[in-house]
């Protein structure tokens, strides 16, 4: 069970890293960013929650998984 949850967590991190990279690239290029500052903060918070998930007391309960902000599903690569 724990191994499956770690795999889920790893996949969830991988699925959103491109958003962080795009935002940082846009900032480095001094372009306007696709994400708002609030969205970027939410994204970083979600990534940290995913990193912390295996150390959580609730781990590996599926119903206690970190939940992605809803706007992430609307983003396209």
PDB file of N, CA and C in Angstrom:
ATOM      1  N   UNK A   1       0.830  -1.198   0.000  1.00  0.00           N
ATOM      2  CA  UNK A   1       0.000   0.000   0.000  1.00  0.00           C
ATOM      3  C   UNK A   1       0.878   1.268   0.000  1.00  0.00           C
ATOM      4  N   UNK A   2       1.887   1.289   0.865  1.00  0.00           N
ATOM      5  CA  UNK A   2       2.753   2.470   0.934  1.00  0.00           C
ATOM      6  C   UNK A   2       3.502   2.691  -0.368  1.00  0.00           C
ATOM      7  N   UNK A   3       3.968   1.619  -0.970  1.00  0.00           N
ATOM      8  CA  UNK A   3       4.701   1.746  -2.237  1.00  0.00           C
ATOM      9  C   UNK A   3       3.801   2.321  -3.325  1.00  0.00           C
ATOM     10  N   UNK A   4       2.535   1.881  -3.367  1.00  0.00           N
ATOM     11  CA  UNK A   4       1.600   2.417  -4.359  1.00  0.00           C
ATOM     12  C   UNK A   4       1.350   3.903  -4.139  1.00  0.00           C
ATOM     13  N   UNK A   5       1.249   4.300  -2.891  1.00  0.00           N
ATOM     14  CA  UNK A   5       1.011   5.719  -2.599  1.00  0.00           C
ATOM     15  C   UNK A   5       2.229   6.566  -2.950  1.00  0.00           C
ATOM     16  N   UNK A   6       3.411   6.036  -2.740  1.00  0.00           N
ATOM     17  CA  UNK A   6       4.623   6.761  -3.150  1.00  0.00           C
ATOM     18  C   UNK A   6       4.669   6.902  -4.669  1.00  0.00           C
ATOM     19  N   UNK A   7       4.266   5.845  -5.379  1.00  0.00           N
ATOM     20  CA  UNK A   7       4.203   5.928  -6.841  1.00  0.00           C
ATOM     21  C   UNK A   7       3.188   6.981  -7.274  1.00  0.00           C
ATOM     22  N   UNK A   8       2.022   7.004  -6.603  1.00  0.00           N
ATOM     23  CA  UNK A   8       1.007   8.019  -6.913  1.00  0.00           C
ATOM     24  C   UNK A   8       1.584   9.412  -6.681  1.00  0.00           C
ATOM     25  N   UNK A   9       2.247   9.581  -5.533  1.00  0.00           N
ATOM     26  CA  UNK A   9       2.832  10.883  -5.194  1.00  0.00           C
ATOM     27  C   UNK A   9       3.868  11.300  -6.227  1.00  0.00           C
ATOM     28  N   UNK A  10       4.744  10.389  -6.606  1.00  0.00           N
ATOM     29  CA  UNK A  10       5.776  10.703  -7.598  1.00  0.00           C
ATOM     30  C   UNK A  10       5.149  11.115  -8.925  1.00  0.00           C
ATOM     31  N   UNK A  11       4.102  10.419  -9.337  1.00  0.00           N
ATOM     32  CA  UNK A  11       3.414  10.754 -10.593  1.00  0.00           C
ATOM     33  C   UNK A  11       2.726  12.110 -10.487  1.00  0.00           C
ATOM     34  N   UNK A  12       2.146  12.406  -9.332  1.00  0.00           N
ATOM     35  CA  UNK A  12       1.474  13.694  -9.138  1.00  0.00           C
ATOM     36  C   UNK A  12       2.482  14.845  -9.200  1.00  0.00           C
ATOM     37  N   UNK A  13       3.652  14.660  -8.624  1.00  0.00           N
ATOM     38  CA  UNK A  13       4.702  15.684  -8.694  1.00  0.00           C
ATOM     39  C   UNK A  13       5.135  15.882 -10.144  1.00  0.00           C
ATOM     40  N   UNK A  14       5.427  14.792 -10.818  1.00  0.00           N
ATOM     41  CA  UNK A  14       5.874  14.866 -12.210  1.00  0.00           C
ATOM     42  C   UNK A  14       4.838  15.556 -13.093  1.00  0.00           C
ATOM     43  N   UNK A  15       3.571  15.321 -12.815  1.00  0.00           N
ATOM     44  CA  UNK A  15       2.492  15.871 -13.642  1.00  0.00           C
ATOM     45  C   UNK A  15       2.398  17.391 -13.584  1.00  0.00           C
ATOM     46  N   UNK A  16       2.928  18.015 -12.534  1.00  0.00           N
ATOM     47  CA  UNK A  16       2.793  19.473 -12.409  1.00  0.00           C
ATOM     48  C   UNK A  16       4.117  20.231 -12.453  1.00  0.00           C
ATOM     49  N   UNK A  17       5.231  19.528 -12.486  1.00  0.00           N
ATOM     50  CA  UNK A  17       6.522  20.224 -12.506  1.00  0.00           C
ATOM     51  C   UNK A  17       6.664  21.156 -13.705  1.00  0.00           C
ATOM     52  N   UNK A  18       6.073  20.799 -14.823  1.00  0.00           N
ATOM     53  CA  UNK A  18       6.175  21.648 -16.010  1.00  0.00           C
ATOM     54  C   UNK A  18       5.557  23.023 -15.758  1.00  0.00           C
ATOM     55  N   UNK A  19       4.521  23.088 -14.918  1.00  0.00           N
ATOM     56  CA  UNK A  19       3.913  24.385 -14.600  1.00  0.00           C
ATOM     57  C   UNK A  19       4.898  25.273 -13.849  1.00  0.00           C
ATOM     58  N   UNK A  20       5.594  24.674 -12.889  1.00  0.00           N
ATOM     59  CA  UNK A  20       6.597  25.435 -12.139  1.00  0.00           C
ATOM     60  C   UNK A  20       7.719  25.902 -13.062  1.00  0.00           C
ATOM     61  N   UNK A  21       8.185  24.997 -13.914  1.00  0.00           N
ATOM     62  CA  UNK A  21       9.269  25.338 -14.835  1.00  0.00           C
ATOM     63  C   UNK A  21       8.853  26.441 -15.804  1.00  0.00           C
ATOM     64  N   UNK A  22       7.654  26.340 -16.357  1.00  0.00           N
ATOM     65  CA  UNK A  22       7.190  27.370 -17.290  1.00  0.00           C
ATOM     66  C   UNK A  22       7.123  28.727 -16.598  1.00  0.00           C
ATOM     67  N   UNK A  23       6.576  28.745 -15.388  1.00  0.00           N
ATOM     68  CA  UNK A  23       6.452  30.005 -14.652  1.00  0.00           C
ATOM     69  C   UNK A  23       7.830  30.616 -14.391  1.00  0.00           C
ATOM     70  N   UNK A  24       8.764  29.799 -13.951  1.00  0.00           N
ATOM     71  CA  UNK A  24      10.114  30.303 -13.677  1.00  0.00           C
ATOM     72  C   UNK A  24      10.802  30.781 -14.955  1.00  0.00           C
ATOM     73  N   UNK A  25      10.607  30.046 -16.045  1.00  0.00           N
ATOM     74  CA  UNK A  25      11.185  30.477 -17.323  1.00  0.00           C
ATOM     75  C   UNK A  25      10.602  31.819 -17.752  1.00  0.00           C
ATOM     76  N   UNK A  26       9.295  31.969 -17.621  1.00  0.00           N
ATOM     77  CA  UNK A  26       8.662  33.240 -17.991  1.00  0.00           C
ATOM     78  C   UNK A  26       9.215  34.383 -17.142  1.00  0.00           C
ATOM     79  N   UNK A  27       9.411  34.136 -15.860  1.00  0.00           N
ATOM     80  CA  UNK A  27       9.992  35.156 -14.989  1.00  0.00           C
ATOM     81  C   UNK A  27      11.424  35.476 -15.402  1.00  0.00           C
ATOM     82  N   UNK A  28      12.211  34.447 -15.660  1.00  0.00           N
ATOM     83  CA  UNK A  28      13.609  34.655 -16.055  1.00  0.00           C
ATOM     84  C   UNK A  28      13.722  35.444 -17.354  1.00  0.00           C
ATOM     85  N   UNK A  29      12.776  35.234 -18.244  1.00  0.00           N
ATOM     86  CA  UNK A  29      12.767  35.955 -19.519  1.00  0.00           C
ATOM     87  C   UNK A  29      12.092  37.322 -19.410  1.00  0.00           C
ATOM     88  N   UNK A  30      11.662  37.654 -18.213  1.00  0.00           N
ATOM     89  CA  UNK A  30      10.980  38.920 -17.924  1.00  0.00           C
ATOM     90  C   UNK A  30       9.741  39.089 -18.803  1.00  0.00           C
ATOM     91  N   UNK A  31       9.024  37.988 -18.970  1.00  0.00           N
ATOM     92  CA  UNK A  31       7.761  38.006 -19.705  1.00  0.00           C
ATOM     93  C   UNK A  31       6.616  37.975 -18.711  1.00  0.00           C
ATOM     94  N   UNK A  32       5.432  38.312 -19.186  1.00  0.00           N
ATOM     95  CA  UNK A  32       4.271  38.158 -18.311  1.00  0.00           C
ATOM     96  C   UNK A  32       4.056  36.658 -18.100  1.00  0.00           C
ATOM     97  N   UNK A  33       3.610  36.305 -16.919  1.00  0.00           N
ATOM     98  CA  UNK A  33       3.479  34.896 -16.567  1.00  0.00           C
ATOM     99  C   UNK A  33       2.066  34.393 -16.843  1.00  0.00           C
ATOM    100  N   UNK A  34       1.998  33.130 -17.206  1.00  0.00           N
ATOM    101  CA  UNK A  34       0.711  32.487 -17.449  1.00  0.00           C
ATOM    102  C   UNK A  34      -0.056  32.334 -16.142  1.00  0.00           C
ATOM    103  N   UNK A  35       0.650  31.979 -15.082  1.00  0.00           N
ATOM    104  CA  UNK A  35       0.031  31.835 -13.768  1.00  0.00           C
ATOM    105  C   UNK A  35       0.075  33.155 -13.022  1.00  0.00           C
ATOM    106  N   UNK A  36      -0.939  33.395 -12.226  1.00  0.00           N
ATOM    107  CA  UNK A  36      -0.898  34.545 -11.326  1.00  0.00           C
ATOM    108  C   UNK A  36       0.043  34.206 -10.169  1.00  0.00           C
ATOM    109  N   UNK A  37       0.422  35.206  -9.410  1.00  0.00           N
ATOM    110  CA  UNK A  37       1.280  34.946  -8.252  1.00  0.00           C
ATOM    111  C   UNK A  37       0.564  34.050  -7.251  1.00  0.00           C
ATOM    112  N   UNK A  38      -0.742  34.255  -7.070  1.00  0.00           N
ATOM    113  CA  UNK A  38      -1.506  33.394  -6.160  1.00  0.00           C
ATOM    114  C   UNK A  38      -1.515  31.944  -6.643  1.00  0.00           C
ATOM    115  N   UNK A  39      -1.680  31.742  -7.949  1.00  0.00           N
ATOM    116  CA  UNK A  39      -1.663  30.385  -8.488  1.00  0.00           C
ATOM    117  C   UNK A  39      -0.290  29.745  -8.301  1.00  0.00           C
ATOM    118  N   UNK A  40       0.756  30.516  -8.534  1.00  0.00           N
ATOM    119  CA  UNK A  40       2.104  29.980  -8.370  1.00  0.00           C
ATOM    120  C   UNK A  40       2.345  29.578  -6.915  1.00  0.00           C
ATOM    121  N   UNK A  41       1.880  30.392  -5.992  1.00  0.00           N
ATOM    122  CA  UNK A  41       2.009  30.060  -4.572  1.00  0.00           C
ATOM    123  C   UNK A  41       1.221  28.799  -4.245  1.00  0.00           C
ATOM    124  N   UNK A  42       0.014  28.674  -4.786  1.00  0.00           N
ATOM    125  CA  UNK A  42      -0.785  27.460  -4.581  1.00  0.00           C
ATOM    126  C   UNK A  42      -0.070  26.237  -5.154  1.00  0.00           C
ATOM    127  N   UNK A  43       0.534  26.397  -6.317  1.00  0.00           N
ATOM    128  CA  UNK A  43       1.269  25.300  -6.947  1.00  0.00           C
ATOM    129  C   UNK A  43       2.436  24.860  -6.070  1.00  0.00           C
ATOM    130  N   UNK A  44       3.212  25.811  -5.581  1.00  0.00           N
ATOM    131  CA  UNK A  44       4.345  25.473  -4.715  1.00  0.00           C
ATOM    132  C   UNK A  44       3.879  24.812  -3.423  1.00  0.00           C
ATOM    133  N   UNK A  45       2.778  25.291  -2.879  1.00  0.00           N
ATOM    134  CA  UNK A  45       2.216  24.696  -1.664  1.00  0.00           C
ATOM    135  C   UNK A  45       1.794  23.256  -1.923  1.00  0.00           C
ATOM    136  N   UNK A  46       1.130  23.027  -3.053  1.00  0.00           N
ATOM    137  CA  UNK A  46       0.711  21.674  -3.425  1.00  0.00           C
ATOM    138  C   UNK A  46       1.926  20.756  -3.597  1.00  0.00           C
ATOM    139  N   UNK A  47       2.959  21.232  -4.278  1.00  0.00           N
ATOM    140  CA  UNK A  47       4.174  20.430  -4.445  1.00  0.00           C
ATOM    141  C   UNK A  47       4.789  20.068  -3.093  1.00  0.00           C
ATOM    142  N   UNK A  48       4.803  21.012  -2.174  1.00  0.00           N
ATOM    143  CA  UNK A  48       5.359  20.722  -0.850  1.00  0.00           C
ATOM    144  C   UNK A  48       4.490  19.722  -0.105  1.00  0.00           C
ATOM    145  N   UNK A  49       3.170  19.850  -0.234  1.00  0.00           N
ATOM    146  CA  UNK A  49       2.276  18.872   0.398  1.00  0.00           C
ATOM    147  C   UNK A  49       2.534  17.470  -0.151  1.00  0.00           C
ATOM    148  N   UNK A  50       2.773  17.373  -1.452  1.00  0.00           N
ATOM    149  CA  UNK A  50       3.086  16.076  -2.050  1.00  0.00           C
ATOM    150  C   UNK A  50       4.400  15.531  -1.500  1.00  0.00           C
ATOM    151  N   UNK A  51       5.394  16.389  -1.368  1.00  0.00           N
ATOM    152  CA  UNK A  51       6.687  15.945  -0.822  1.00  0.00           C
ATOM    153  C   UNK A  51       6.546  15.473   0.627  1.00  0.00           C
ATOM    154  N   UNK A  52       5.693  16.162   1.380  1.00  0.00           N
ATOM    155  CA  UNK A  52       5.514  15.844   2.798  1.00  0.00           C
ATOM    156  C   UNK A  52       4.584  14.652   3.035  1.00  0.00           C
ATOM    157  N   UNK A  53       3.813  14.272   2.033  1.00  0.00           N
ATOM    158  CA  UNK A  53       2.776  13.251   2.174  1.00  0.00           C
ATOM    159  C   UNK A  53       3.296  11.948   2.794  1.00  0.00           C
ATOM    160  N   UNK A  54       4.401  11.377   2.371  1.00  0.00           N
ATOM    161  CA  UNK A  54       4.838  10.110   2.976  1.00  0.00           C
ATOM    162  C   UNK A  54       5.174  10.206   4.468  1.00  0.00           C
ATOM    163  N   UNK A  55       5.478  11.388   4.961  1.00  0.00           N
ATOM    164  CA  UNK A  55       5.779  11.550   6.381  1.00  0.00           C
ATOM    165  C   UNK A  55       4.539  11.905   7.201  1.00  0.00           C
ATOM    166  N   UNK A  56       3.421  12.083   6.534  1.00  0.00           N
ATOM    167  CA  UNK A  56       2.178  12.458   7.201  1.00  0.00           C
ATOM    168  C   UNK A  56       1.645  11.302   8.044  1.00  0.00           C
ATOM    169  N   UNK A  57       0.994  11.630   9.154  1.00  0.00           N
ATOM    170  CA  UNK A  57       0.368  10.602   9.988  1.00  0.00           C
ATOM    171  C   UNK A  57      -0.739   9.883   9.229  1.00  0.00           C
ATOM    172  N   UNK A  58      -1.361  10.554   8.269  1.00  0.00           N
ATOM    173  CA  UNK A  58      -2.462   9.967   7.503  1.00  0.00           C
ATOM    174  C   UNK A  58      -1.982   9.048   6.377  1.00  0.00           C
ATOM    175  N   UNK A  59      -0.701   9.081   6.055  1.00  0.00           N
ATOM    176  CA  UNK A  59      -0.147   8.243   4.985  1.00  0.00           C
ATOM    177  C   UNK A  59      -0.270   6.787   5.369  1.00  0.00           C
ATOM    178  N   UNK A  60      -0.702   5.912   4.506  1.00  0.00           N
ATOM    179  CA  UNK A  60      -1.006   6.022   3.084  1.00  0.00           C
ATOM    180  C   UNK A  60      -2.501   6.047   2.760  1.00  0.00           C
ATOM    181  N   UNK A  61      -3.326   6.621   3.618  1.00  0.00           N
ATOM    182  CA  UNK A  61      -4.779   6.645   3.387  1.00  0.00           C
ATOM    183  C   UNK A  61      -5.109   7.468   2.141  1.00  0.00           C
ATOM    184  N   UNK A  62      -5.678   6.816   1.143  1.00  0.00           N
ATOM    185  CA  UNK A  62      -5.966   7.468  -0.136  1.00  0.00           C
ATOM    186  C   UNK A  62      -6.838   8.703   0.045  1.00  0.00           C
ATOM    187  N   UNK A  63      -7.811   8.620   0.937  1.00  0.00           N
ATOM    188  CA  UNK A  63      -8.731   9.749   1.128  1.00  0.00           C
ATOM    189  C   UNK A  63      -8.055  10.967   1.765  1.00  0.00           C
ATOM    190  N   UNK A  64      -6.830  10.803   2.232  1.00  0.00           N
ATOM    191  CA  UNK A  64      -6.092  11.906   2.850  1.00  0.00           C
ATOM    192  C   UNK A  64      -5.008  12.478   1.936  1.00  0.00           C
ATOM    193  N   UNK A  65      -4.993  12.037   0.680  1.00  0.00           N
ATOM    194  CA  UNK A  65      -3.997  12.546  -0.272  1.00  0.00           C
ATOM    195  C   UNK A  65      -4.102  14.057  -0.420  1.00  0.00           C
ATOM    196  N   UNK A  66      -2.988  14.725  -0.693  1.00  0.00           N
ATOM    197  CA  UNK A  66      -3.056  16.151  -1.028  1.00  0.00           C
ATOM    198  C   UNK A  66      -3.924  16.342  -2.274  1.00  0.00           C
ATOM    199  N   UNK A  67      -4.682  17.419  -2.275  1.00  0.00           N
ATOM    200  CA  UNK A  67      -5.601  17.701  -3.379  1.00  0.00           C
ATOM    201  C   UNK A  67      -5.044  18.857  -4.201  1.00  0.00           C
ATOM    202  N   UNK A  68      -4.967  18.635  -5.497  1.00  0.00           N
ATOM    203  CA  UNK A  68      -4.465  19.676  -6.404  1.00  0.00           C
ATOM    204  C   UNK A  68      -5.469  20.815  -6.501  1.00  0.00           C
ATOM    205  N   UNK A  69      -4.989  22.047  -6.600  1.00  0.00           N
ATOM    206  CA  UNK A  69      -5.903  23.161  -6.850  1.00  0.00           C
ATOM    207  C   UNK A  69      -6.672  22.893  -8.151  1.00  0.00           C
ATOM    208  N   UNK A  70      -7.964  23.197  -8.183  1.00  0.00           N
ATOM    209  CA  UNK A  70      -8.783  22.858  -9.351  1.00  0.00           C
ATOM    210  C   UNK A  70      -8.304  23.479 -10.657  1.00  0.00           C
ATOM    211  N   UNK A  71      -7.702  24.641 -10.612  1.00  0.00           N
ATOM    212  CA  UNK A  71      -7.275  25.316 -11.836  1.00  0.00           C
ATOM    213  C   UNK A  71      -6.158  24.564 -12.561  1.00  0.00           C
ATOM    214  N   UNK A  72      -5.442  23.686 -11.876  1.00  0.00           N
ATOM    215  CA  UNK A  72      -4.353  22.943 -12.516  1.00  0.00           C
ATOM    216  C   UNK A  72      -4.878  22.089 -13.665  1.00  0.00           C
ATOM    217  N   UNK A  73      -6.045  21.504 -13.499  1.00  0.00           N
ATOM    218  CA  UNK A  73      -6.619  20.650 -14.545  1.00  0.00           C
ATOM    219  C   UNK A  73      -6.918  21.432 -15.820  1.00  0.00           C
ATOM    220  N   UNK A  74      -7.045  22.738 -15.716  1.00  0.00           N
ATOM    221  CA  UNK A  74      -7.362  23.576 -16.875  1.00  0.00           C
ATOM    222  C   UNK A  74      -6.121  23.995 -17.658  1.00  0.00           C
ATOM    223  N   UNK A  75      -4.942  23.729 -17.125  1.00  0.00           N
ATOM    224  CA  UNK A  75      -3.698  24.132 -17.777  1.00  0.00           C
ATOM    225  C   UNK A  75      -3.317  23.133 -18.861  1.00  0.00           C
ATOM    226  N   UNK A  76      -2.714  23.638 -19.925  1.00  0.00           N
ATOM    227  CA  UNK A  76      -2.232  22.769 -20.993  1.00  0.00           C
ATOM    228  C   UNK A  76      -0.756  23.047 -21.238  1.00  0.00           C
ATOM    229  N   UNK A  77      -0.055  22.013 -21.639  1.00  0.00           N
ATOM    230  CA  UNK A  77       1.377  22.164 -21.902  1.00  0.00           C
ATOM    231  C   UNK A  77       1.604  22.799 -23.248  1.00  0.00           C
TER     232      UNK A  77
END
